[in-house]
Amino acid sequence: IGFIQCIAMWPGVSRSLVTIVGGLVVGLSLPAAVEFSFLLGLVTLTAATAHDAIRHGDIMLETYHALPLALGLLSALLAAALSVKWMVAYLNRHSLALFGYYRLILAPLVAALVFYRII
């Protein structure tokens, strides 16, 4: 699952989706694969945040101060926990088909916007 996460380095590929697919390939249930994917993302994002904090923490504290940064971190953690809980509950009742259709519709639209240099 960790190895397949490298596919997400390709622009436009969802890290969450490829790790969910990786979980399904190794035999996890869909809700378990989703939960594992988001926990894996938590580790990845925590490492990236720690890296940024080590490199730029003094500037961040000087610019934004500790309380707003702490509140932002806590609100992001709460939002992530609630999102994972909702997504696992959703996938206990539904499939990933809706998200697949969304990506299939969005891909040509974004490609056209890039091609015509709108974005």
PDB file of N, CA and C in Angstrom:
ATOM      1  N   ILE A   1       0.839  -1.191   0.000  1.00  0.00           N
ATOM      2  CA  ILE A   1       0.000   0.000   0.000  1.00  0.00           C
ATOM      3  C   ILE A   1       0.879   1.247   0.000  1.00  0.00           C
ATOM      4  N   GLY A   2       1.932   1.215   0.800  1.00  0.00           N
ATOM      5  CA  GLY A   2       2.843   2.353   0.835  1.00  0.00           C
ATOM      6  C   GLY A   2       3.526   2.568  -0.496  1.00  0.00           C
ATOM      7  N   PHE A   3       3.892   1.471  -1.157  1.00  0.00           N
ATOM      8  CA  PHE A   3       4.557   1.593  -2.459  1.00  0.00           C
ATOM      9  C   PHE A   3       3.616   2.200  -3.498  1.00  0.00           C
ATOM     10  N   ILE A   4       2.369   1.734  -3.505  1.00  0.00           N
ATOM     11  CA  ILE A   4       1.422   2.239  -4.506  1.00  0.00           C
ATOM     12  C   ILE A   4       1.127   3.726  -4.284  1.00  0.00           C
ATOM     13  N   GLN A   5       1.365   4.207  -3.066  1.00  0.00           N
ATOM     14  CA  GLN A   5       1.174   5.627  -2.779  1.00  0.00           C
ATOM     15  C   GLN A   5       2.091   6.487  -3.654  1.00  0.00           C
ATOM     16  N   CYS A   6       3.213   5.931  -4.102  1.00  0.00           N
ATOM     17  CA  CYS A   6       4.144   6.677  -4.963  1.00  0.00           C
ATOM     18  C   CYS A   6       3.494   7.079  -6.285  1.00  0.00           C
ATOM     19  N   ILE A   7       2.482   6.344  -6.733  1.00  0.00           N
ATOM     20  CA  ILE A   7       1.784   6.695  -7.974  1.00  0.00           C
ATOM     21  C   ILE A   7       1.169   8.087  -7.850  1.00  0.00           C
ATOM     22  N   ALA A   8       0.841   8.481  -6.627  1.00  0.00           N
ATOM     23  CA  ALA A   8       0.224   9.789  -6.401  1.00  0.00           C
ATOM     24  C   ALA A   8       1.185  10.936  -6.678  1.00  0.00           C
ATOM     25  N   MET A   9       2.451  10.646  -6.919  1.00  0.00           N
ATOM     26  CA  MET A   9       3.390  11.699  -7.298  1.00  0.00           C
ATOM     27  C   MET A   9       3.093  12.194  -8.711  1.00  0.00           C
ATOM     28  N   TRP A  10       2.356  11.415  -9.486  1.00  0.00           N
ATOM     29  CA  TRP A  10       1.935  11.827 -10.818  1.00  0.00           C
ATOM     30  C   TRP A  10       0.886  12.924 -10.651  1.00  0.00           C
ATOM     31  N   PRO A  11       1.046  14.050 -11.310  1.00  0.00           N
ATOM     32  CA  PRO A  11       0.094  15.156 -11.126  1.00  0.00           C
ATOM     33  C   PRO A  11      -1.347  14.748 -11.424  1.00  0.00           C
ATOM     34  N   GLY A  12      -2.230  15.111 -10.520  1.00  0.00           N
ATOM     35  CA  GLY A  12      -3.647  14.840 -10.693  1.00  0.00           C
ATOM     36  C   GLY A  12      -4.117  13.523 -10.115  1.00  0.00           C
ATOM     37  N   VAL A  13      -3.185  12.685  -9.664  1.00  0.00           N
ATOM     38  CA  VAL A  13      -3.562  11.391  -9.097  1.00  0.00           C
ATOM     39  C   VAL A  13      -3.809  11.570  -7.602  1.00  0.00           C
ATOM     40  N   SER A  14      -4.921  11.070  -7.143  1.00  0.00           N
ATOM     41  CA  SER A  14      -5.299  11.191  -5.738  1.00  0.00           C
ATOM     42  C   SER A  14      -4.532  10.184  -4.891  1.00  0.00           C
ATOM     43  N   ARG A  15      -3.788  10.685  -3.901  1.00  0.00           N
ATOM     44  CA  ARG A  15      -3.059   9.810  -2.991  1.00  0.00           C
ATOM     45  C   ARG A  15      -4.036   8.926  -2.235  1.00  0.00           C
ATOM     46  N   SER A  16      -5.137   9.502  -1.814  1.00  0.00           N
ATOM     47  CA  SER A  16      -6.125   8.719  -1.076  1.00  0.00           C
ATOM     48  C   SER A  16      -6.670   7.583  -1.929  1.00  0.00           C
ATOM     49  N   LEU A  17      -7.022   7.899  -3.165  1.00  0.00           N
ATOM     50  CA  LEU A  17      -7.611   6.880  -4.027  1.00  0.00           C
ATOM     51  C   LEU A  17      -6.633   5.745  -4.318  1.00  0.00           C
ATOM     52  N   VAL A  18      -5.382   6.066  -4.637  1.00  0.00           N
ATOM     53  CA  VAL A  18      -4.451   4.979  -4.956  1.00  0.00           C
ATOM     54  C   VAL A  18      -4.150   4.128  -3.729  1.00  0.00           C
ATOM     55  N   THR A  19      -4.114   4.724  -2.541  1.00  0.00           N
ATOM     56  CA  THR A  19      -3.876   3.894  -1.361  1.00  0.00           C
ATOM     57  C   THR A  19      -5.113   3.075  -0.999  1.00  0.00           C
ATOM     58  N   ILE A  20      -6.305   3.594  -1.286  1.00  0.00           N
ATOM     59  CA  ILE A  20      -7.521   2.798  -1.082  1.00  0.00           C
ATOM     60  C   ILE A  20      -7.517   1.609  -2.036  1.00  0.00           C
ATOM     61  N   VAL A  21      -7.192   1.858  -3.296  1.00  0.00           N
ATOM     62  CA  VAL A  21      -7.108   0.762  -4.275  1.00  0.00           C
ATOM     63  C   VAL A  21      -6.040  -0.240  -3.844  1.00  0.00           C
ATOM     64  N   GLY A  22      -4.900   0.249  -3.367  1.00  0.00           N
ATOM     65  CA  GLY A  22      -3.857  -0.649  -2.866  1.00  0.00           C
ATOM     66  C   GLY A  22      -4.359  -1.511  -1.723  1.00  0.00           C
ATOM     67  N   GLY A  23      -5.135  -0.924  -0.825  1.00  0.00           N
ATOM     68  CA  GLY A  23      -5.713  -1.694   0.272  1.00  0.00           C
ATOM     69  C   GLY A  23      -6.672  -2.758  -0.217  1.00  0.00           C
ATOM     70  N   LEU A  24      -7.476  -2.418  -1.224  1.00  0.00           N
ATOM     71  CA  LEU A  24      -8.401  -3.401  -1.795  1.00  0.00           C
ATOM     72  C   LEU A  24      -7.643  -4.534  -2.469  1.00  0.00           C
ATOM     73  N   VAL A  25      -6.537  -4.192  -3.149  1.00  0.00           N
ATOM     74  CA  VAL A  25      -5.733  -5.208  -3.845  1.00  0.00           C
ATOM     75  C   VAL A  25      -5.160  -6.219  -2.855  1.00  0.00           C
ATOM     76  N   VAL A  26      -4.747  -5.754  -1.669  1.00  0.00           N
ATOM     77  CA  VAL A  26      -4.178  -6.687  -0.696  1.00  0.00           C
ATOM     78  C   VAL A  26      -5.236  -7.354   0.179  1.00  0.00           C
ATOM     79  N   GLY A  27      -6.536  -7.089  -0.095  1.00  0.00           N
ATOM     80  CA  GLY A  27      -7.597  -7.824   0.571  1.00  0.00           C
ATOM     81  C   GLY A  27      -8.331  -7.113   1.694  1.00  0.00           C
ATOM     82  N   LEU A  28      -8.077  -5.832   1.894  1.00  0.00           N
ATOM     83  CA  LEU A  28      -8.829  -5.103   2.916  1.00  0.00           C
ATOM     84  C   LEU A  28     -10.250  -4.835   2.423  1.00  0.00           C
ATOM     85  N   SER A  29     -11.172  -4.723   3.361  1.00  0.00           N
ATOM     86  CA  SER A  29     -12.523  -4.290   2.992  1.00  0.00           C
ATOM     87  C   SER A  29     -12.450  -2.817   2.620  1.00  0.00           C
ATOM     88  N   LEU A  30     -13.464  -2.329   1.906  1.00  0.00           N
ATOM     89  CA  LEU A  30     -13.458  -0.929   1.488  1.00  0.00           C
ATOM     90  C   LEU A  30     -13.377   0.029   2.681  1.00  0.00           C
ATOM     91  N   PRO A  31     -14.210  -0.139   3.724  1.00  0.00           N
ATOM     92  CA  PRO A  31     -14.075   0.775   4.869  1.00  0.00           C
ATOM     93  C   PRO A  31     -12.700   0.695   5.540  1.00  0.00           C
ATOM     94  N   ALA A  32     -12.142  -0.512   5.649  1.00  0.00           N
ATOM     95  CA  ALA A  32     -10.812  -0.653   6.258  1.00  0.00           C
ATOM     96  C   ALA A  32      -9.742  -0.004   5.391  1.00  0.00           C
ATOM     97  N   ALA A  33      -9.862  -0.150   4.071  1.00  0.00           N
ATOM     98  CA  ALA A  33      -8.894   0.471   3.160  1.00  0.00           C
ATOM     99  C   ALA A  33      -8.958   1.992   3.247  1.00  0.00           C
ATOM    100  N   VAL A  34     -10.173   2.528   3.362  1.00  0.00           N
ATOM    101  CA  VAL A  34     -10.336   3.986   3.488  1.00  0.00           C
ATOM    102  C   VAL A  34      -9.724   4.472   4.796  1.00  0.00           C
ATOM    103  N   GLU A  35     -10.034   3.782   5.871  1.00  0.00           N
ATOM    104  CA  GLU A  35      -9.492   4.185   7.170  1.00  0.00           C
ATOM    105  C   GLU A  35      -7.966   4.117   7.159  1.00  0.00           C
ATOM    106  N   PHE A  36      -7.411   3.037   6.603  1.00  0.00           N
ATOM    107  CA  PHE A  36      -5.955   2.911   6.526  1.00  0.00           C
ATOM    108  C   PHE A  36      -5.360   4.008   5.656  1.00  0.00           C
ATOM    109  N   SER A  37      -6.006   4.311   4.542  1.00  0.00           N
ATOM    110  CA  SER A  37      -5.517   5.354   3.644  1.00  0.00           C
ATOM    111  C   SER A  37      -5.438   6.699   4.352  1.00  0.00           C
ATOM    112  N   PHE A  38      -6.470   7.033   5.105  1.00  0.00           N
ATOM    113  CA  PHE A  38      -6.458   8.309   5.800  1.00  0.00           C
ATOM    114  C   PHE A  38      -5.466   8.319   6.957  1.00  0.00           C
ATOM    115  N   LEU A  39      -5.282   7.192   7.625  1.00  0.00           N
ATOM    116  CA  LEU A  39      -4.258   7.128   8.667  1.00  0.00           C
ATOM    117  C   LEU A  39      -2.867   7.264   8.057  1.00  0.00           C
ATOM    118  N   LEU A  40      -2.659   6.648   6.899  1.00  0.00           N
ATOM    119  CA  LEU A  40      -1.388   6.788   6.193  1.00  0.00           C
ATOM    120  C   LEU A  40      -1.176   8.233   5.771  1.00  0.00           C
ATOM    121  N   GLY A  41      -2.238   8.886   5.338  1.00  0.00           N
ATOM    122  CA  GLY A  41      -2.152  10.301   4.987  1.00  0.00           C
ATOM    123  C   GLY A  41      -1.810  11.157   6.187  1.00  0.00           C
ATOM    124  N   LEU A  42      -2.331  10.777   7.352  1.00  0.00           N
ATOM    125  CA  LEU A  42      -2.026  11.511   8.577  1.00  0.00           C
ATOM    126  C   LEU A  42      -0.527  11.472   8.862  1.00  0.00           C
ATOM    127  N   VAL A  43       0.076  10.305   8.696  1.00  0.00           N
ATOM    128  CA  VAL A  43       1.520  10.179   8.900  1.00  0.00           C
ATOM    129  C   VAL A  43       2.277  11.035   7.887  1.00  0.00           C
ATOM    130  N   THR A  44       1.866  10.961   6.628  1.00  0.00           N
ATOM    131  CA  THR A  44       2.527  11.722   5.566  1.00  0.00           C
ATOM    132  C   THR A  44       2.414  13.220   5.810  1.00  0.00           C
ATOM    133  N   LEU A  45       1.218  13.686   6.112  1.00  0.00           N
ATOM    134  CA  LEU A  45       1.008  15.119   6.337  1.00  0.00           C
ATOM    135  C   LEU A  45       1.674  15.598   7.622  1.00  0.00           C
ATOM    136  N   THR A  46       1.717  14.751   8.641  1.00  0.00           N
ATOM    137  CA  THR A  46       2.412  15.121   9.873  1.00  0.00           C
ATOM    138  C   THR A  46       3.898  15.289   9.611  1.00  0.00           C
ATOM    139  N   ALA A  47       4.470  14.382   8.831  1.00  0.00           N
ATOM    140  CA  ALA A  47       5.894  14.500   8.493  1.00  0.00           C
ATOM    141  C   ALA A  47       6.166  15.769   7.689  1.00  0.00           C
ATOM    142  N   ALA A  48       5.302  16.073   6.734  1.00  0.00           N
ATOM    143  CA  ALA A  48       5.486  17.289   5.928  1.00  0.00           C
ATOM    144  C   ALA A  48       5.341  18.539   6.789  1.00  0.00           C
ATOM    145  N   THR A  49       4.383  18.523   7.703  1.00  0.00           N
ATOM    146  CA  THR A  49       4.189  19.666   8.598  1.00  0.00           C
ATOM    147  C   THR A  49       5.380  19.832   9.531  1.00  0.00           C
ATOM    148  N   ALA A  50       5.875  18.726  10.069  1.00  0.00           N
ATOM    149  CA  ALA A  50       7.051  18.795  10.947  1.00  0.00           C
ATOM    150  C   ALA A  50       8.257  19.331  10.186  1.00  0.00           C
ATOM    151  N   HIS A  51       8.420  18.885   8.957  1.00  0.00           N
ATOM    152  CA  HIS A  51       9.527  19.371   8.124  1.00  0.00           C
ATOM    153  C   HIS A  51       9.421  20.880   7.927  1.00  0.00           C
ATOM    154  N   ASP A  52       8.235  21.357   7.587  1.00  0.00           N
ATOM    155  CA  ASP A  52       8.032  22.801   7.408  1.00  0.00           C
ATOM    156  C   ASP A  52       8.235  23.561   8.716  1.00  0.00           C
ATOM    157  N   ALA A  53       7.771  22.989   9.816  1.00  0.00           N
ATOM    158  CA  ALA A  53       7.924  23.655  11.112  1.00  0.00           C
ATOM    159  C   ALA A  53       9.394  23.775  11.494  1.00  0.00           C
ATOM    160  N   ILE A  54      10.167  22.741  11.214  1.00  0.00           N
ATOM    161  CA  ILE A  54      11.602  22.786  11.514  1.00  0.00           C
ATOM    162  C   ILE A  54      12.290  23.833  10.650  1.00  0.00           C
ATOM    163  N   ARG A  55      11.933  23.877   9.383  1.00  0.00           N
ATOM    164  CA  ARG A  55      12.582  24.816   8.462  1.00  0.00           C
ATOM    165  C   ARG A  55      12.100  26.250   8.626  1.00  0.00           C
ATOM    166  N   HIS A  56      10.805  26.423   8.902  1.00  0.00           N
ATOM    167  CA  HIS A  56      10.230  27.771   8.890  1.00  0.00           C
ATOM    168  C   HIS A  56       9.445  28.111  10.153  1.00  0.00           C
ATOM    169  N   GLY A  57       9.582  27.318  11.197  1.00  0.00           N
ATOM    170  CA  GLY A  57       8.790  27.523  12.407  1.00  0.00           C
ATOM    171  C   GLY A  57       8.951  28.890  13.026  1.00  0.00           C
ATOM    172  N   ASP A  58      10.178  29.394  13.047  1.00  0.00           N
ATOM    173  CA  ASP A  58      10.405  30.704  13.649  1.00  0.00           C
ATOM    174  C   ASP A  58       9.675  31.805  12.877  1.00  0.00           C
ATOM    175  N   ILE A  59       9.678  31.708  11.563  1.00  0.00           N
ATOM    176  CA  ILE A  59       8.981  32.700  10.736  1.00  0.00           C
ATOM    177  C   ILE A  59       7.469  32.574  10.921  1.00  0.00           C
ATOM    178  N   MET A  60       6.978  31.317  10.982  1.00  0.00           N
ATOM    179  CA  MET A  60       5.541  31.102  11.172  1.00  0.00           C
ATOM    180  C   MET A  60       5.078  31.672  12.512  1.00  0.00           C
ATOM    181  N   LEU A  61       5.854  31.412  13.565  1.00  0.00           N
ATOM    182  CA  LEU A  61       5.480  31.927  14.884  1.00  0.00           C
ATOM    183  C   LEU A  61       5.528  33.445  14.925  1.00  0.00           C
ATOM    184  N   GLU A  62       6.532  34.017  14.285  1.00  0.00           N
ATOM    185  CA  GLU A  62       6.658  35.473  14.258  1.00  0.00           C
ATOM    186  C   GLU A  62       5.506  36.109  13.479  1.00  0.00           C
ATOM    187  N   THR A  63       5.117  35.465  12.388  1.00  0.00           N
ATOM    188  CA  THR A  63       4.070  36.017  11.530  1.00  0.00           C
ATOM    189  C   THR A  63       2.671  35.779  12.096  1.00  0.00           C
ATOM    190  N   TYR A  64       2.393  34.560  12.539  1.00  0.00           N
ATOM    191  CA  TYR A  64       1.026  34.193  12.923  1.00  0.00           C
ATOM    192  C   TYR A  64       0.814  34.039  14.425  1.00  0.00           C
ATOM    193  N   HIS A  65       1.857  33.863  15.196  1.00  0.00           N
ATOM    194  CA  HIS A  65       1.809  33.667  16.650  1.00  0.00           C
ATOM    195  C   HIS A  65       1.298  32.263  16.985  1.00  0.00           C
ATOM    196  N   ALA A  66       1.559  31.838  18.198  1.00  0.00           N
ATOM    197  CA  ALA A  66       1.319  30.449  18.593  1.00  0.00           C
ATOM    198  C   ALA A  66      -0.161  30.087  18.671  1.00  0.00           C
ATOM    199  N   LEU A  67      -0.986  30.951  19.239  1.00  0.00           N
ATOM    200  CA  LEU A  67      -2.396  30.596  19.437  1.00  0.00           C
ATOM    201  C   LEU A  67      -3.126  30.334  18.122  1.00  0.00           C
ATOM    202  N   PRO A  68      -3.043  31.213  17.128  1.00  0.00           N
ATOM    203  CA  PRO A  68      -3.718  30.909  15.858  1.00  0.00           C
ATOM    204  C   PRO A  68      -3.188  29.634  15.193  1.00  0.00           C
ATOM    205  N   LEU A  69      -1.878  29.399  15.292  1.00  0.00           N
ATOM    206  CA  LEU A  69      -1.326  28.169  14.715  1.00  0.00           C
ATOM    207  C   LEU A  69      -1.863  26.944  15.441  1.00  0.00           C
ATOM    208  N   ALA A  70      -1.917  26.997  16.767  1.00  0.00           N
ATOM    209  CA  ALA A  70      -2.433  25.867  17.545  1.00  0.00           C
ATOM    210  C   ALA A  70      -3.914  25.632  17.252  1.00  0.00           C
ATOM    211  N   LEU A  71      -4.691  26.713  17.170  1.00  0.00           N
ATOM    212  CA  LEU A  71      -6.119  26.569  16.854  1.00  0.00           C
ATOM    213  C   LEU A  71      -6.320  26.006  15.450  1.00  0.00           C
ATOM    214  N   GLY A  72      -5.507  26.442  14.512  1.00  0.00           N
ATOM    215  CA  GLY A  72      -5.580  25.905  13.154  1.00  0.00           C
ATOM    216  C   GLY A  72      -5.251  24.425  13.120  1.00  0.00           C
ATOM    217  N   LEU A  73      -4.222  24.031  13.859  1.00  0.00           N
ATOM    218  CA  LEU A  73      -3.831  22.626  13.925  1.00  0.00           C
ATOM    219  C   LEU A  73      -4.938  21.784  14.543  1.00  0.00           C
ATOM    220  N   LEU A  74      -5.499  22.259  15.640  1.00  0.00           N
ATOM    221  CA  LEU A  74      -6.569  21.508  16.299  1.00  0.00           C
ATOM    222  C   LEU A  74      -7.826  21.422  15.442  1.00  0.00           C
ATOM    223  N   SER A  75      -8.182  22.511  14.771  1.00  0.00           N
ATOM    224  CA  SER A  75      -9.379  22.468  13.923  1.00  0.00           C
ATOM    225  C   SER A  75      -9.159  21.551  12.721  1.00  0.00           C
ATOM    226  N   ALA A  76      -7.943  21.537  12.172  1.00  0.00           N
ATOM    227  CA  ALA A  76      -7.639  20.625  11.063  1.00  0.00           C
ATOM    228  C   ALA A  76      -7.699  19.174  11.527  1.00  0.00           C
ATOM    229  N   LEU A  77      -7.195  18.902  12.724  1.00  0.00           N
ATOM    230  CA  LEU A  77      -7.237  17.547  13.275  1.00  0.00           C
ATOM    231  C   LEU A  77      -8.677  17.095  13.491  1.00  0.00           C
ATOM    232  N   LEU A  78      -9.501  17.970  14.034  1.00  0.00           N
ATOM    233  CA  LEU A  78     -10.913  17.644  14.256  1.00  0.00           C
ATOM    234  C   LEU A  78     -11.639  17.417  12.932  1.00  0.00           C
ATOM    235  N   ALA A  79     -11.401  18.293  11.966  1.00  0.00           N
ATOM    236  CA  ALA A  79     -12.042  18.138  10.653  1.00  0.00           C
ATOM    237  C   ALA A  79     -11.619  16.834   9.991  1.00  0.00           C
ATOM    238  N   ALA A  80     -10.347  16.483  10.107  1.00  0.00           N
ATOM    239  CA  ALA A  80      -9.859  15.232   9.517  1.00  0.00           C
ATOM    240  C   ALA A  80     -10.507  14.025  10.188  1.00  0.00           C
ATOM    241  N   ALA A  81     -10.585  14.039  11.512  1.00  0.00           N
ATOM    242  CA  ALA A  81     -11.190  12.915  12.232  1.00  0.00           C
ATOM    243  C   ALA A  81     -12.661  12.754  11.860  1.00  0.00           C
ATOM    244  N   LEU A  82     -13.389  13.864  11.795  1.00  0.00           N
ATOM    245  CA  LEU A  82     -14.804  13.799  11.417  1.00  0.00           C
ATOM    246  C   LEU A  82     -14.978  13.354   9.969  1.00  0.00           C
ATOM    247  N   SER A  83     -14.086  13.794   9.095  1.00  0.00           N
ATOM    248  CA  SER A  83     -14.158  13.401   7.682  1.00  0.00           C
ATOM    249  C   SER A  83     -13.926  11.912   7.510  1.00  0.00           C
ATOM    250  N   VAL A  84     -12.937  11.384   8.210  1.00  0.00           N
ATOM    251  CA  VAL A  84     -12.659   9.950   8.114  1.00  0.00           C
ATOM    252  C   VAL A  84     -13.835   9.155   8.668  1.00  0.00           C
ATOM    253  N   LYS A  85     -14.369   9.593   9.795  1.00  0.00           N
ATOM    254  CA  LYS A  85     -15.524   8.896  10.381  1.00  0.00           C
ATOM    255  C   LYS A  85     -16.699   8.897   9.409  1.00  0.00           C
ATOM    256  N   TRP A  86     -16.987  10.062   8.796  1.00  0.00           N
ATOM    257  CA  TRP A  86     -18.086  10.151   7.836  1.00  0.00           C
ATOM    258  C   TRP A  86     -17.827   9.262   6.628  1.00  0.00           C
ATOM    259  N   MET A  87     -16.596   9.308   6.096  1.00  0.00           N
ATOM    260  CA  MET A  87     -16.279   8.553   4.883  1.00  0.00           C
ATOM    261  C   MET A  87     -16.390   7.049   5.125  1.00  0.00           C
ATOM    262  N   VAL A  88     -15.897   6.578   6.255  1.00  0.00           N
ATOM    263  CA  VAL A  88     -15.997   5.147   6.564  1.00  0.00           C
ATOM    264  C   VAL A  88     -17.466   4.749   6.707  1.00  0.00           C
ATOM    265  N   ALA A  89     -18.269   5.571   7.375  1.00  0.00           N
ATOM    266  CA  ALA A  89     -19.704   5.275   7.504  1.00  0.00           C
ATOM    267  C   ALA A  89     -20.380   5.284   6.136  1.00  0.00           C
ATOM    268  N   TYR A  90     -20.029   6.247   5.284  1.00  0.00           N
ATOM    269  CA  TYR A  90     -20.600   6.330   3.937  1.00  0.00           C
ATOM    270  C   TYR A  90     -20.265   5.073   3.141  1.00  0.00           C
ATOM    271  N   LEU A  91     -19.013   4.638   3.212  1.00  0.00           N
ATOM    272  CA  LEU A  91     -18.587   3.490   2.410  1.00  0.00           C
ATOM    273  C   LEU A  91     -19.077   2.160   2.968  1.00  0.00           C
ATOM    274  N   ASN A  92     -19.572   2.153   4.187  1.00  0.00           N
ATOM    275  CA  ASN A  92     -20.235   0.948   4.695  1.00  0.00           C
ATOM    276  C   ASN A  92     -21.575   0.744   4.002  1.00  0.00           C
ATOM    277  N   ARG A  93     -22.136   1.822   3.424  1.00  0.00           N
ATOM    278  CA  ARG A  93     -23.438   1.753   2.756  1.00  0.00           C
ATOM    279  C   ARG A  93     -23.357   1.926   1.244  1.00  0.00           C
ATOM    280  N   HIS A  94     -22.283   2.534   0.738  1.00  0.00           N
ATOM    281  CA  HIS A  94     -22.167   2.862  -0.679  1.00  0.00           C
ATOM    282  C   HIS A  94     -20.798   2.438  -1.214  1.00  0.00           C
ATOM    283  N   SER A  95     -20.636   2.569  -2.526  1.00  0.00           N
ATOM    284  CA  SER A  95     -19.346   2.254  -3.152  1.00  0.00           C
ATOM    285  C   SER A  95     -18.606   3.547  -3.479  1.00  0.00           C
ATOM    286  N   LEU A  96     -17.458   3.394  -4.092  1.00  0.00           N
ATOM    287  CA  LEU A  96     -16.667   4.540  -4.539  1.00  0.00           C
ATOM    288  C   LEU A  96     -17.096   5.029  -5.917  1.00  0.00           C
ATOM    289  N   ALA A  97     -18.146   4.466  -6.481  1.00  0.00           N
ATOM    290  CA  ALA A  97     -18.552   4.802  -7.850  1.00  0.00           C
ATOM    291  C   ALA A  97     -18.800   6.295  -8.030  1.00  0.00           C
ATOM    292  N   LEU A  98     -19.467   6.926  -7.089  1.00  0.00           N
ATOM    293  CA  LEU A  98     -19.753   8.359  -7.197  1.00  0.00           C
ATOM    294  C   LEU A  98     -18.462   9.168  -7.346  1.00  0.00           C
ATOM    295  N   PHE A  99     -17.445   8.812  -6.566  1.00  0.00           N
ATOM    296  CA  PHE A  99     -16.167   9.519  -6.641  1.00  0.00           C
ATOM    297  C   PHE A  99     -15.455   9.233  -7.962  1.00  0.00           C
ATOM    298  N   GLY A 100     -15.617   8.029  -8.476  1.00  0.00           N
ATOM    299  CA  GLY A 100     -15.041   7.694  -9.780  1.00  0.00           C
ATOM    300  C   GLY A 100     -15.671   8.500 -10.899  1.00  0.00           C
ATOM    301  N   TYR A 101     -16.997   8.604 -10.876  1.00  0.00           N
ATOM    302  CA  TYR A 101     -17.684   9.400 -11.901  1.00  0.00           C
ATOM    303  C   TYR A 101     -17.275  10.865 -11.818  1.00  0.00           C
ATOM    304  N   TYR A 102     -17.156  11.365 -10.612  1.00  0.00           N
ATOM    305  CA  TYR A 102     -16.725  12.750 -10.410  1.00  0.00           C
ATOM    306  C   TYR A 102     -15.360  12.982 -11.049  1.00  0.00           C
ATOM    307  N   ARG A 103     -14.427  12.053 -10.833  1.00  0.00           N
ATOM    308  CA  ARG A 103     -13.082  12.196 -11.407  1.00  0.00           C
ATOM    309  C   ARG A 103     -13.124  12.090 -12.932  1.00  0.00           C
ATOM    310  N   LEU A 104     -13.958  11.211 -13.465  1.00  0.00           N
ATOM    311  CA  LEU A 104     -14.053  11.064 -14.919  1.00  0.00           C
ATOM    312  C   LEU A 104     -14.642  12.309 -15.576  1.00  0.00           C
ATOM    313  N   ILE A 105     -15.561  12.964 -14.903  1.00  0.00           N
ATOM    314  CA  ILE A 105     -16.147  14.199 -15.433  1.00  0.00           C
ATOM    315  C   ILE A 105     -15.175  15.362 -15.283  1.00  0.00           C
ATOM    316  N   LEU A 106     -14.497  15.418 -14.163  1.00  0.00           N
ATOM    317  CA  LEU A 106     -13.600  16.534 -13.885  1.00  0.00           C
ATOM    318  C   LEU A 106     -12.333  16.506 -14.743  1.00  0.00           C
ATOM    319  N   ALA A 107     -11.815  15.329 -15.047  1.00  0.00           N
ATOM    320  CA  ALA A 107     -10.541  15.217 -15.775  1.00  0.00           C
ATOM    321  C   ALA A 107     -10.556  15.924 -17.128  1.00  0.00           C
ATOM    322  N   PRO A 108     -11.527  15.663 -18.016  1.00  0.00           N
ATOM    323  CA  PRO A 108     -11.495  16.372 -19.299  1.00  0.00           C
ATOM    324  C   PRO A 108     -11.732  17.876 -19.151  1.00  0.00           C
ATOM    325  N   LEU A 109     -12.521  18.258 -18.155  1.00  0.00           N
ATOM    326  CA  LEU A 109     -12.752  19.682 -17.919  1.00  0.00           C
ATOM    327  C   LEU A 109     -11.447  20.381 -17.524  1.00  0.00           C
ATOM    328  N   VAL A 110     -10.722  19.806 -16.597  1.00  0.00           N
ATOM    329  CA  VAL A 110      -9.445  20.392 -16.175  1.00  0.00           C
ATOM    330  C   VAL A 110      -8.446  20.356 -17.321  1.00  0.00           C
ATOM    331  N   ALA A 111      -8.416  19.263 -18.075  1.00  0.00           N
ATOM    332  CA  ALA A 111      -7.499  19.175 -19.220  1.00  0.00           C
ATOM    333  C   ALA A 111      -7.785  20.281 -20.230  1.00  0.00           C
ATOM    334  N   ALA A 112      -9.052  20.538 -20.505  1.00  0.00           N
ATOM    335  CA  ALA A 112      -9.411  21.608 -21.445  1.00  0.00           C
ATOM    336  C   ALA A 112      -9.010  22.973 -20.901  1.00  0.00           C
ATOM    337  N   LEU A 113      -9.229  23.203 -19.616  1.00  0.00           N
ATOM    338  CA  LEU A 113      -8.845  24.480 -19.011  1.00  0.00           C
ATOM    339  C   LEU A 113      -7.333  24.696 -19.064  1.00  0.00           C
ATOM    340  N   VAL A 114      -6.583  23.630 -18.870  1.00  0.00           N
ATOM    341  CA  VAL A 114      -5.119  23.733 -18.965  1.00  0.00           C
ATOM    342  C   VAL A 114      -4.703  23.923 -20.417  1.00  0.00           C
ATOM    343  N   PHE A 115      -5.308  23.163 -21.325  1.00  0.00           N
ATOM    344  CA  PHE A 115      -4.959  23.254 -22.745  1.00  0.00           C
ATOM    345  C   PHE A 115      -5.177  24.664 -23.283  1.00  0.00           C
ATOM    346  N   TYR A 116      -6.286  25.272 -22.895  1.00  0.00           N
ATOM    347  CA  TYR A 116      -6.598  26.620 -23.370  1.00  0.00           C
ATOM    348  C   TYR A 116      -5.996  27.716 -22.479  1.00  0.00           C
ATOM    349  N   ARG A 117      -5.118  27.302 -21.581  1.00  0.00           N
ATOM    350  CA  ARG A 117      -4.377  28.213 -20.692  1.00  0.00           C
ATOM    351  C   ARG A 117      -5.290  29.109 -19.854  1.00  0.00           C
ATOM    352  N   ILE A 118      -6.420  28.559 -19.475  1.00  0.00           N
ATOM    353  CA  ILE A 118      -7.322  29.279 -18.578  1.00  0.00           C
ATOM    354  C   ILE A 118      -6.827  29.132 -17.138  1.00  0.00           C
ATOM    355  N   ILE A 119      -6.285  27.958 -16.867  1.00  0.00           N
ATOM    356  CA  ILE A 119      -5.635  27.749 -15.562  1.00  0.00           C
ATOM    357  C   ILE A 119      -4.219  27.261 -15.786  1.00  0.00           C
TER     358      ILE A 119
END
